[in-house]
Amino acid sequence: MYTAKYPGNGAVAIRSDSRVCSIGYWNGKIQLYSAKTFKSLGTLAYHKDGCYALAFAHTVPPENAQDDDDMDVDELVTRGWWLASGGKDSRVCVWPLKSFERGRGG
């Protein structure tokens, strides 16, 4: 069990590769954590009011990514690191995150 440092959680999402957990708070901030250690990976701030929706894009491992007509392999892989958030302020944001893997910048 983990106790978050801000009161009032509006949304929680875990990336499909189980590496990153995001928590959206009533103050509008989104905190990113390592899903394994719960070490803070950073804070995202855009919403003026509470963050009530979070969703990660589906992660595509590089070895499973295949070129298609619209995107190359690198684009497919990095698109899997996106996080979408929605807030009480009627704003929606798509965050292009990094991989959070050692040795892989992103």
PDB file of N, CA and C in Angstrom:
ATOM      1  N   MET A   1       0.842  -1.172   0.000  1.00  0.00           N
ATOM      2  CA  MET A   1       0.000   0.000   0.000  1.00  0.00           C
ATOM      3  C   MET A   1       0.886   1.233   0.000  1.00  0.00           C
ATOM      4  N   TYR A   2       0.427   2.262  -0.692  1.00  0.00           N
ATOM      5  CA  TYR A   2       1.163   3.520  -0.788  1.00  0.00           C
ATOM      6  C   TYR A   2       0.243   4.658  -0.393  1.00  0.00           C
ATOM      7  N   THR A   3       0.738   5.552   0.435  1.00  0.00           N
ATOM      8  CA  THR A   3      -0.015   6.740   0.815  1.00  0.00           C
ATOM      9  C   THR A   3       0.498   7.914  -0.009  1.00  0.00           C
ATOM     10  N   ALA A   4      -0.370   8.481  -0.820  1.00  0.00           N
ATOM     11  CA  ALA A   4      -0.001   9.606  -1.673  1.00  0.00           C
ATOM     12  C   ALA A   4       0.247  10.845  -0.831  1.00  0.00           C
ATOM     13  N   LYS A   5       1.114  11.726  -1.356  1.00  0.00           N
ATOM     14  CA  LYS A   5       1.461  12.904  -0.562  1.00  0.00           C
ATOM     15  C   LYS A   5       0.458  14.047  -0.669  1.00  0.00           C
ATOM     16  N   TYR A   6      -0.461  13.988  -1.634  1.00  0.00           N
ATOM     17  CA  TYR A   6      -1.494  15.008  -1.741  1.00  0.00           C
ATOM     18  C   TYR A   6      -2.842  14.377  -1.399  1.00  0.00           C
ATOM     19  N   PRO A   7      -3.701  15.096  -0.698  1.00  0.00           N
ATOM     20  CA  PRO A   7      -5.038  14.550  -0.444  1.00  0.00           C
ATOM     21  C   PRO A   7      -5.904  14.674  -1.693  1.00  0.00           C
ATOM     22  N   GLY A   8      -6.836  13.765  -1.853  1.00  0.00           N
ATOM     23  CA  GLY A   8      -7.802  13.871  -2.934  1.00  0.00           C
ATOM     24  C   GLY A   8      -7.328  13.344  -4.264  1.00  0.00           C
ATOM     25  N   ASN A   9      -7.421  12.043  -4.463  1.00  0.00           N
ATOM     26  CA  ASN A   9      -7.061  11.438  -5.735  1.00  0.00           C
ATOM     27  C   ASN A   9      -8.290  11.390  -6.621  1.00  0.00           C
ATOM     28  N   GLY A  10      -8.168  11.928  -7.828  1.00  0.00           N
ATOM     29  CA  GLY A  10      -9.281  11.913  -8.762  1.00  0.00           C
ATOM     30  C   GLY A  10      -9.209  10.792  -9.770  1.00  0.00           C
ATOM     31  N   ALA A  11      -7.987  10.307 -10.059  1.00  0.00           N
ATOM     32  CA  ALA A  11      -7.817   9.261 -11.070  1.00  0.00           C
ATOM     33  C   ALA A  11      -6.476   8.573 -10.876  1.00  0.00           C
ATOM     34  N   VAL A  12      -6.428   7.304 -11.265  1.00  0.00           N
ATOM     35  CA  VAL A  12      -5.196   6.517 -11.220  1.00  0.00           C
ATOM     36  C   VAL A  12      -5.107   5.711 -12.509  1.00  0.00           C
ATOM     37  N   ALA A  13      -3.906   5.621 -13.093  1.00  0.00           N
ATOM     38  CA  ALA A  13      -3.694   4.795 -14.287  1.00  0.00           C
ATOM     39  C   ALA A  13      -2.313   4.165 -14.211  1.00  0.00           C
ATOM     40  N   ILE A  14      -2.213   2.929 -14.694  1.00  0.00           N
ATOM     41  CA  ILE A  14      -0.939   2.227 -14.758  1.00  0.00           C
ATOM     42  C   ILE A  14      -0.666   1.894 -16.218  1.00  0.00           C
ATOM     43  N   ARG A  15       0.549   2.223 -16.669  1.00  0.00           N
ATOM     44  CA  ARG A  15       0.919   1.964 -18.055  1.00  0.00           C
ATOM     45  C   ARG A  15       0.913   0.463 -18.326  1.00  0.00           C
ATOM     46  N   SER A  16       0.612   0.057 -19.557  1.00  0.00           N
ATOM     47  CA  SER A  16       0.422  -1.359 -19.876  1.00  0.00           C
ATOM     48  C   SER A  16       1.673  -2.207 -19.681  1.00  0.00           C
ATOM     49  N   ASP A  17       2.868  -1.600 -19.660  1.00  0.00           N
ATOM     50  CA  ASP A  17       4.081  -2.371 -19.384  1.00  0.00           C
ATOM     51  C   ASP A  17       4.359  -2.460 -17.883  1.00  0.00           C
ATOM     52  N   SER A  18       3.455  -1.910 -17.070  1.00  0.00           N
ATOM     53  CA  SER A  18       3.528  -1.950 -15.594  1.00  0.00           C
ATOM     54  C   SER A  18       4.755  -1.253 -15.015  1.00  0.00           C
ATOM     55  N   ARG A  19       5.308  -0.297 -15.719  1.00  0.00           N
ATOM     56  CA  ARG A  19       6.481   0.438 -15.221  1.00  0.00           C
ATOM     57  C   ARG A  19       6.109   1.753 -14.544  1.00  0.00           C
ATOM     58  N   VAL A  20       5.032   2.379 -15.010  1.00  0.00           N
ATOM     59  CA  VAL A  20       4.700   3.732 -14.550  1.00  0.00           C
ATOM     60  C   VAL A  20       3.260   3.778 -14.050  1.00  0.00           C
ATOM     61  N   CYS A  21       3.079   4.437 -12.910  1.00  0.00           N
ATOM     62  CA  CYS A  21       1.760   4.689 -12.334  1.00  0.00           C
ATOM     63  C   CYS A  21       1.553   6.202 -12.295  1.00  0.00           C
ATOM     64  N   SER A  22       0.391   6.650 -12.686  1.00  0.00           N
ATOM     65  CA  SER A  22       0.076   8.082 -12.610  1.00  0.00           C
ATOM     66  C   SER A  22      -1.122   8.270 -11.694  1.00  0.00           C
ATOM     67  N   ILE A  23      -1.066   9.345 -10.911  1.00  0.00           N
ATOM     68  CA  ILE A  23      -2.170   9.692 -10.016  1.00  0.00           C
ATOM     69  C   ILE A  23      -2.559  11.137 -10.292  1.00  0.00           C
ATOM     70  N   GLY A  24      -3.835  11.357 -10.600  1.00  0.00           N
ATOM     71  CA  GLY A  24      -4.355  12.705 -10.806  1.00  0.00           C
ATOM     72  C   GLY A  24      -5.017  13.181  -9.516  1.00  0.00           C
ATOM     73  N   TYR A  25      -4.650  14.365  -9.094  1.00  0.00           N
ATOM     74  CA  TYR A  25      -5.133  14.891  -7.812  1.00  0.00           C
ATOM     75  C   TYR A  25      -6.183  15.979  -7.994  1.00  0.00           C
ATOM     76  N   TRP A  26      -6.892  16.233  -6.927  1.00  0.00           N
ATOM     77  CA  TRP A  26      -7.927  17.263  -6.933  1.00  0.00           C
ATOM     78  C   TRP A  26      -7.350  18.648  -7.181  1.00  0.00           C
ATOM     79  N   ASN A  27      -6.059  18.844  -6.909  1.00  0.00           N
ATOM     80  CA  ASN A  27      -5.450  20.158  -7.144  1.00  0.00           C
ATOM     81  C   ASN A  27      -5.051  20.356  -8.610  1.00  0.00           C
ATOM     82  N   GLY A  28      -5.320  19.361  -9.475  1.00  0.00           N
ATOM     83  CA  GLY A  28      -5.032  19.475 -10.895  1.00  0.00           C
ATOM     84  C   GLY A  28      -3.692  18.898 -11.312  1.00  0.00           C
ATOM     85  N   LYS A  29      -2.831  18.588 -10.369  1.00  0.00           N
ATOM     86  CA  LYS A  29      -1.517  18.040 -10.690  1.00  0.00           C
ATOM     87  C   LYS A  29      -1.606  16.536 -10.942  1.00  0.00           C
ATOM     88  N   ILE A  30      -0.667  16.035 -11.723  1.00  0.00           N
ATOM     89  CA  ILE A  30      -0.539  14.608 -11.998  1.00  0.00           C
ATOM     90  C   ILE A  30       0.849  14.197 -11.547  1.00  0.00           C
ATOM     91  N   GLN A  31       0.921  13.217 -10.703  1.00  0.00           N
ATOM     92  CA  GLN A  31       2.205  12.727 -10.211  1.00  0.00           C
ATOM     93  C   GLN A  31       2.492  11.387 -10.881  1.00  0.00           C
ATOM     94  N   LEU A  32       3.720  11.222 -11.374  1.00  0.00           N
ATOM     95  CA  LEU A  32       4.157   9.973 -11.982  1.00  0.00           C
ATOM     96  C   LEU A  32       5.075   9.243 -11.007  1.00  0.00           C
ATOM     97  N   TYR A  33       4.868   7.933 -10.881  1.00  0.00           N
ATOM     98  CA  TYR A  33       5.656   7.112  -9.971  1.00  0.00           C
ATOM     99  C   TYR A  33       6.136   5.862 -10.684  1.00  0.00           C
ATOM    100  N   SER A  34       7.259   5.330 -10.226  1.00  0.00           N
ATOM    101  CA  SER A  34       7.660   3.989 -10.623  1.00  0.00           C
ATOM    102  C   SER A  34       6.639   3.036 -10.021  1.00  0.00           C
ATOM    103  N   ALA A  35       6.065   2.162 -10.832  1.00  0.00           N
ATOM    104  CA  ALA A  35       5.066   1.224 -10.308  1.00  0.00           C
ATOM    105  C   ALA A  35       5.711   0.161  -9.429  1.00  0.00           C
ATOM    106  N   LYS A  36       7.013  -0.015  -9.554  1.00  0.00           N
ATOM    107  CA  LYS A  36       7.716  -1.023  -8.762  1.00  0.00           C
ATOM    108  C   LYS A  36       8.115  -0.488  -7.383  1.00  0.00           C
ATOM    109  N   THR A  37       8.690   0.717  -7.355  1.00  0.00           N
ATOM    110  CA  THR A  37       9.234   1.265  -6.104  1.00  0.00           C
ATOM    111  C   THR A  37       8.437   2.441  -5.549  1.00  0.00           C
ATOM    112  N   PHE A  38       7.547   2.998  -6.327  1.00  0.00           N
ATOM    113  CA  PHE A  38       6.805   4.224  -6.034  1.00  0.00           C
ATOM    114  C   PHE A  38       7.715   5.431  -5.831  1.00  0.00           C
ATOM    115  N   LYS A  39       8.904   5.378  -6.401  1.00  0.00           N
ATOM    116  CA  LYS A  39       9.771   6.552  -6.451  1.00  0.00           C
ATOM    117  C   LYS A  39       9.152   7.544  -7.432  1.00  0.00           C
ATOM    118  N   SER A  40       9.155   8.812  -7.059  1.00  0.00           N
ATOM    119  CA  SER A  40       8.577   9.845  -7.912  1.00  0.00           C
ATOM    120  C   SER A  40       9.382   9.987  -9.203  1.00  0.00           C
ATOM    121  N   LEU A  41       8.678  10.025 -10.329  1.00  0.00           N
ATOM    122  CA  LEU A  41       9.304  10.221 -11.632  1.00  0.00           C
ATOM    123  C   LEU A  41       9.059  11.627 -12.165  1.00  0.00           C
ATOM    124  N   GLY A  42       8.195  12.365 -11.510  1.00  0.00           N
ATOM    125  CA  GLY A  42       7.931  13.729 -11.937  1.00  0.00           C
ATOM    126  C   GLY A  42       6.489  14.141 -11.720  1.00  0.00           C
ATOM    127  N   THR A  43       6.243  15.426 -11.928  1.00  0.00           N
ATOM    128  CA  THR A  43       4.911  15.997 -11.758  1.00  0.00           C
ATOM    129  C   THR A  43       4.529  16.735 -13.026  1.00  0.00           C
ATOM    130  N   LEU A  44       3.289  16.552 -13.446  1.00  0.00           N
ATOM    131  CA  LEU A  44       2.745  17.255 -14.603  1.00  0.00           C
ATOM    132  C   LEU A  44       1.695  18.245 -14.103  1.00  0.00           C
ATOM    133  N   ALA A  45       1.772  19.468 -14.585  1.00  0.00           N
ATOM    134  CA  ALA A  45       0.823  20.496 -14.140  1.00  0.00           C
ATOM    135  C   ALA A  45       0.257  21.220 -15.355  1.00  0.00           C
ATOM    136  N   TYR A  46      -1.045  21.111 -15.546  1.00  0.00           N
ATOM    137  CA  TYR A  46      -1.722  21.813 -16.627  1.00  0.00           C
ATOM    138  C   TYR A  46      -3.149  22.171 -16.227  1.00  0.00           C
ATOM    139  N   HIS A  47      -3.813  21.261 -15.556  1.00  0.00           N
ATOM    140  CA  HIS A  47      -5.216  21.471 -15.207  1.00  0.00           C
ATOM    141  C   HIS A  47      -5.352  22.515 -14.106  1.00  0.00           C
ATOM    142  N   LYS A  48      -6.327  23.407 -14.287  1.00  0.00           N
ATOM    143  CA  LYS A  48      -6.560  24.467 -13.307  1.00  0.00           C
ATOM    144  C   LYS A  48      -7.354  23.965 -12.107  1.00  0.00           C
ATOM    145  N   ASP A  49      -8.040  22.859 -12.308  1.00  0.00           N
ATOM    146  CA  ASP A  49      -8.857  22.273 -11.253  1.00  0.00           C
ATOM    147  C   ASP A  49      -8.552  20.783 -11.232  1.00  0.00           C
ATOM    148  N   GLY A  50      -9.325  19.999 -10.552  1.00  0.00           N
ATOM    149  CA  GLY A  50      -9.035  18.587 -10.359  1.00  0.00           C
ATOM    150  C   GLY A  50      -8.831  17.787 -11.639  1.00  0.00           C
ATOM    151  N   CYS A  51      -7.938  16.815 -11.577  1.00  0.00           N
ATOM    152  CA  CYS A  51      -7.712  15.871 -12.670  1.00  0.00           C
ATOM    153  C   CYS A  51      -8.540  14.626 -12.367  1.00  0.00           C
ATOM    154  N   TYR A  52      -9.506  14.320 -13.233  1.00  0.00           N
ATOM    155  CA  TYR A  52     -10.437  13.234 -12.973  1.00  0.00           C
ATOM    156  C   TYR A  52     -10.371  12.080 -13.961  1.00  0.00           C
ATOM    157  N   ALA A  53      -9.499  12.172 -14.959  1.00  0.00           N
ATOM    158  CA  ALA A  53      -9.372  11.076 -15.923  1.00  0.00           C
ATOM    159  C   ALA A  53      -7.931  10.953 -16.384  1.00  0.00           C
ATOM    160  N   LEU A  54      -7.416   9.726 -16.395  1.00  0.00           N
ATOM    161  CA  LEU A  54      -6.068   9.433 -16.870  1.00  0.00           C
ATOM    162  C   LEU A  54      -6.113   8.147 -17.681  1.00  0.00           C
ATOM    163  N   ALA A  55      -5.370   8.114 -18.776  1.00  0.00           N
ATOM    164  CA  ALA A  55      -5.271   6.890 -19.575  1.00  0.00           C
ATOM    165  C   ALA A  55      -3.950   6.888 -20.332  1.00  0.00           C
ATOM    166  N   PHE A  56      -3.229   5.784 -20.229  1.00  0.00           N
ATOM    167  CA  PHE A  56      -2.011   5.607 -21.004  1.00  0.00           C
ATOM    168  C   PHE A  56      -2.355   4.986 -22.349  1.00  0.00           C
ATOM    169  N   ALA A  57      -1.607   5.364 -23.369  1.00  0.00           N
ATOM    170  CA  ALA A  57      -1.732   4.698 -24.662  1.00  0.00           C
ATOM    171  C   ALA A  57      -1.205   3.275 -24.523  1.00  0.00           C
ATOM    172  N   HIS A  58      -1.597   2.417 -25.438  1.00  0.00           N
ATOM    173  CA  HIS A  58      -1.127   1.033 -25.410  1.00  0.00           C
ATOM    174  C   HIS A  58       0.362   0.996 -25.764  1.00  0.00           C
ATOM    175  N   THR A  59       1.177   0.362 -24.939  1.00  0.00           N
ATOM    176  CA  THR A  59       2.614   0.268 -25.151  1.00  0.00           C
ATOM    177  C   THR A  59       2.927  -0.786 -26.209  1.00  0.00           C
ATOM    178  N   VAL A  60       3.803  -0.421 -27.142  1.00  0.00           N
ATOM    179  CA  VAL A  60       4.252  -1.351 -28.176  1.00  0.00           C
ATOM    180  C   VAL A  60       5.744  -1.602 -27.974  1.00  0.00           C
ATOM    181  N   PRO A  61       6.132  -2.824 -27.562  1.00  0.00           N
ATOM    182  CA  PRO A  61       7.559  -3.123 -27.424  1.00  0.00           C
ATOM    183  C   PRO A  61       8.262  -3.003 -28.775  1.00  0.00           C
ATOM    184  N   PRO A  62       9.498  -2.476 -28.798  1.00  0.00           N
ATOM    185  CA  PRO A  62      10.196  -2.286 -30.079  1.00  0.00           C
ATOM    186  C   PRO A  62      10.272  -3.548 -30.929  1.00  0.00           C
ATOM    187  N   GLU A  63      10.436  -4.707 -30.283  1.00  0.00           N
ATOM    188  CA  GLU A  63      10.556  -5.954 -31.051  1.00  0.00           C
ATOM    189  C   GLU A  63       9.231  -6.372 -31.699  1.00  0.00           C
ATOM    190  N   ASN A  64       8.114  -5.811 -31.222  1.00  0.00           N
ATOM    191  CA  ASN A  64       6.802  -6.134 -31.791  1.00  0.00           C
ATOM    192  C   ASN A  64       6.278  -5.067 -32.742  1.00  0.00           C
ATOM    193  N   ALA A  65       6.964  -3.941 -32.800  1.00  0.00           N
ATOM    194  CA  ALA A  65       6.505  -2.836 -33.645  1.00  0.00           C
ATOM    195  C   ALA A  65       6.809  -3.137 -35.106  1.00  0.00           C
ATOM    196  N   GLN A  66       5.853  -2.835 -35.964  1.00  0.00           N
ATOM    197  CA  GLN A  66       6.025  -3.026 -37.403  1.00  0.00           C
ATOM    198  C   GLN A  66       5.666  -1.735 -38.111  1.00  0.00           C
ATOM    199  N   ASP A  67       6.446  -1.423 -39.137  1.00  0.00           N
ATOM    200  CA  ASP A  67       6.141  -0.241 -39.941  1.00  0.00           C
ATOM    201  C   ASP A  67       4.742  -0.358 -40.533  1.00  0.00           C
ATOM    202  N   ASP A  68       4.040   0.761 -40.538  1.00  0.00           N
ATOM    203  CA  ASP A  68       2.805   0.816 -41.317  1.00  0.00           C
ATOM    204  C   ASP A  68       2.891   2.043 -42.213  1.00  0.00           C
ATOM    205  N   ASP A  69       1.861   2.319 -42.944  1.00  0.00           N
ATOM    206  CA  ASP A  69       1.914   3.408 -43.917  1.00  0.00           C
ATOM    207  C   ASP A  69       2.045   4.783 -43.272  1.00  0.00           C
ATOM    208  N   ASP A  70       1.528   4.939 -42.051  1.00  0.00           N
ATOM    209  CA  ASP A  70       1.494   6.261 -41.429  1.00  0.00           C
ATOM    210  C   ASP A  70       2.638   6.535 -40.463  1.00  0.00           C
ATOM    211  N   MET A  71       3.161   5.476 -39.795  1.00  0.00           N
ATOM    212  CA  MET A  71       4.178   5.685 -38.770  1.00  0.00           C
ATOM    213  C   MET A  71       5.304   4.673 -38.888  1.00  0.00           C
ATOM    214  N   ASP A  72       6.529   5.127 -38.578  1.00  0.00           N
ATOM    215  CA  ASP A  72       7.630   4.180 -38.531  1.00  0.00           C
ATOM    216  C   ASP A  72       7.698   3.550 -37.135  1.00  0.00           C
ATOM    217  N   VAL A  73       8.609   2.615 -36.938  1.00  0.00           N
ATOM    218  CA  VAL A  73       8.700   1.863 -35.688  1.00  0.00           C
ATOM    219  C   VAL A  73       8.942   2.782 -34.494  1.00  0.00           C
ATOM    220  N   ASP A  74       9.853   3.749 -34.625  1.00  0.00           N
ATOM    221  CA  ASP A  74      10.134   4.665 -33.506  1.00  0.00           C
ATOM    222  C   ASP A  74       8.903   5.452 -33.091  1.00  0.00           C
ATOM    223  N   GLU A  75       8.116   5.906 -34.066  1.00  0.00           N
ATOM    224  CA  GLU A  75       6.888   6.641 -33.749  1.00  0.00           C
ATOM    225  C   GLU A  75       5.879   5.760 -33.028  1.00  0.00           C
ATOM    226  N   LEU A  76       5.763   4.504 -33.458  1.00  0.00           N
ATOM    227  CA  LEU A  76       4.848   3.571 -32.788  1.00  0.00           C
ATOM    228  C   LEU A  76       5.255   3.340 -31.339  1.00  0.00           C
ATOM    229  N   VAL A  77       6.556   3.163 -31.109  1.00  0.00           N
ATOM    230  CA  VAL A  77       7.049   2.906 -29.754  1.00  0.00           C
ATOM    231  C   VAL A  77       6.849   4.119 -28.869  1.00  0.00           C
ATOM    232  N   THR A  78       7.239   5.314 -29.321  1.00  0.00           N
ATOM    233  CA  THR A  78       7.109   6.508 -28.485  1.00  0.00           C
ATOM    234  C   THR A  78       5.655   6.910 -28.275  1.00  0.00           C
ATOM    235  N   ARG A  79       4.778   6.612 -29.217  1.00  0.00           N
ATOM    236  CA  ARG A  79       3.357   6.902 -29.023  1.00  0.00           C
ATOM    237  C   ARG A  79       2.797   6.088 -27.853  1.00  0.00           C
ATOM    238  N   GLY A  80       3.350   4.928 -27.594  1.00  0.00           N
ATOM    239  CA  GLY A  80       2.939   4.107 -26.460  1.00  0.00           C
ATOM    240  C   GLY A  80       3.280   4.705 -25.118  1.00  0.00           C
ATOM    241  N   TRP A  81       4.083   5.755 -25.090  1.00  0.00           N
ATOM    242  CA  TRP A  81       4.446   6.419 -23.830  1.00  0.00           C
ATOM    243  C   TRP A  81       3.537   7.607 -23.529  1.00  0.00           C
ATOM    244  N   TRP A  82       2.543   7.866 -24.347  1.00  0.00           N
ATOM    245  CA  TRP A  82       1.648   8.994 -24.144  1.00  0.00           C
ATOM    246  C   TRP A  82       0.710   8.751 -22.971  1.00  0.00           C
ATOM    247  N   LEU A  83       0.396   9.840 -22.271  1.00  0.00           N
ATOM    248  CA  LEU A  83      -0.594   9.825 -21.195  1.00  0.00           C
ATOM    249  C   LEU A  83      -1.623  10.898 -21.509  1.00  0.00           C
ATOM    250  N   ALA A  84      -2.889  10.543 -21.487  1.00  0.00           N
ATOM    251  CA  ALA A  84      -3.969  11.511 -21.692  1.00  0.00           C
ATOM    252  C   ALA A  84      -4.600  11.820 -20.338  1.00  0.00           C
ATOM    253  N   SER A  85      -4.911  13.094 -20.122  1.00  0.00           N
ATOM    254  CA  SER A  85      -5.541  13.496 -18.867  1.00  0.00           C
ATOM    255  C   SER A  85      -6.719  14.417 -19.155  1.00  0.00           C
ATOM    256  N   GLY A  86      -7.713  14.344 -18.277  1.00  0.00           N
ATOM    257  CA  GLY A  86      -8.881  15.206 -18.387  1.00  0.00           C
ATOM    258  C   GLY A  86      -9.217  15.775 -17.021  1.00  0.00           C
ATOM    259  N   GLY A  87      -9.627  17.025 -17.000  1.00  0.00           N
ATOM    260  CA  GLY A  87      -9.888  17.674 -15.724  1.00  0.00           C
ATOM    261  C   GLY A  87     -11.254  18.290 -15.617  1.00  0.00           C
ATOM    262  N   LYS A  88     -11.575  18.686 -14.408  1.00  0.00           N
ATOM    263  CA  LYS A  88     -12.846  19.364 -14.120  1.00  0.00           C
ATOM    264  C   LYS A  88     -12.942  20.675 -14.890  1.00  0.00           C
ATOM    265  N   ASP A  89     -11.796  21.226 -15.262  1.00  0.00           N
ATOM    266  CA  ASP A  89     -11.741  22.488 -15.995  1.00  0.00           C
ATOM    267  C   ASP A  89     -12.091  22.329 -17.479  1.00  0.00           C
ATOM    268  N   SER A  90     -12.546  21.138 -17.896  1.00  0.00           N
ATOM    269  CA  SER A  90     -12.923  20.812 -19.280  1.00  0.00           C
ATOM    270  C   SER A  90     -11.736  20.737 -20.226  1.00  0.00           C
ATOM    271  N   ARG A  91     -10.534  20.685 -19.694  1.00  0.00           N
ATOM    272  CA  ARG A  91      -9.338  20.573 -20.516  1.00  0.00           C
ATOM    273  C   ARG A  91      -8.934  19.113 -20.662  1.00  0.00           C
ATOM    274  N   VAL A  92      -8.441  18.773 -21.846  1.00  0.00           N
ATOM    275  CA  VAL A  92      -7.863  17.460 -22.106  1.00  0.00           C
ATOM    276  C   VAL A  92      -6.447  17.695 -22.600  1.00  0.00           C
ATOM    277  N   CYS A  93      -5.515  16.900 -22.110  1.00  0.00           N
ATOM    278  CA  CYS A  93      -4.121  17.065 -22.496  1.00  0.00           C
ATOM    279  C   CYS A  93      -3.524  15.702 -22.821  1.00  0.00           C
ATOM    280  N   VAL A  94      -2.695  15.652 -23.857  1.00  0.00           N
ATOM    281  CA  VAL A  94      -1.930  14.450 -24.181  1.00  0.00           C
ATOM    282  C   VAL A  94      -0.473  14.772 -23.891  1.00  0.00           C
ATOM    283  N   TRP A  95       0.105  14.003 -22.978  1.00  0.00           N
ATOM    284  CA  TRP A  95       1.477  14.214 -22.517  1.00  0.00           C
ATOM    285  C   TRP A  95       2.409  13.220 -23.201  1.00  0.00           C
ATOM    286  N   PRO A  96       3.382  13.684 -23.984  1.00  0.00           N
ATOM    287  CA  PRO A  96       4.372  12.760 -24.552  1.00  0.00           C
ATOM    288  C   PRO A  96       5.464  12.512 -23.507  1.00  0.00           C
ATOM    289  N   LEU A  97       5.416  11.378 -22.856  1.00  0.00           N
ATOM    290  CA  LEU A  97       6.372  11.052 -21.801  1.00  0.00           C
ATOM    291  C   LEU A  97       7.589  10.351 -22.384  1.00  0.00           C
ATOM    292  N   LYS A  98       8.581  10.097 -21.537  1.00  0.00           N
ATOM    293  CA  LYS A  98       9.723   9.292 -21.960  1.00  0.00           C
ATOM    294  C   LYS A  98       9.500   7.861 -21.491  1.00  0.00           C
ATOM    295  N   SER A  99      10.390   6.978 -21.838  1.00  0.00           N
ATOM    296  CA  SER A  99      10.176   5.557 -21.547  1.00  0.00           C
ATOM    297  C   SER A  99      10.349   5.211 -20.074  1.00  0.00           C
ATOM    298  N   PHE A 100      11.177   5.941 -19.347  1.00  0.00           N
ATOM    299  CA  PHE A 100      11.517   5.670 -17.951  1.00  0.00           C
ATOM    300  C   PHE A 100      12.255   4.351 -17.795  1.00  0.00           C
ATOM    301  N   GLU A 101      12.856   3.852 -18.861  1.00  0.00           N
ATOM    302  CA  GLU A 101      13.710   2.672 -18.780  1.00  0.00           C
ATOM    303  C   GLU A 101      15.152   3.127 -18.683  1.00  0.00           C
ATOM    304  N   ARG A 102      15.952   2.404 -17.919  1.00  0.00           N
ATOM    305  CA  ARG A 102      17.384   2.725 -17.867  1.00  0.00           C
ATOM    306  C   ARG A 102      18.001   2.486 -19.222  1.00  0.00           C
ATOM    307  N   GLY A 103      18.839   3.434 -19.630  1.00  0.00           N
ATOM    308  CA  GLY A 103      19.535   3.294 -20.902  1.00  0.00           C
ATOM    309  C   GLY A 103      18.698   3.639 -22.116  1.00  0.00           C
ATOM    310  N   ARG A 104      17.453   4.040 -21.918  1.00  0.00           N
ATOM    311  CA  ARG A 104      16.592   4.404 -23.045  1.00  0.00           C
ATOM    312  C   ARG A 104      16.005   5.777 -22.757  1.00  0.00           C
ATOM    313  N   GLY A 105      16.499   6.789 -23.449  1.00  0.00           N
ATOM    314  CA  GLY A 105      16.097   8.166 -23.182  1.00  0.00           C
ATOM    315  C   GLY A 105      14.655   8.451 -23.484  1.00  0.00           C
ATOM    316  N   GLY A 106      14.301   8.425 -24.748  1.00  0.00           N
ATOM    317  CA  GLY A 106      12.917   8.642 -25.135  1.00  0.00           C
ATOM    318  C   GLY A 106      12.506  10.047 -25.100  1.00  0.00           C
TER     319      GLY A 106
END
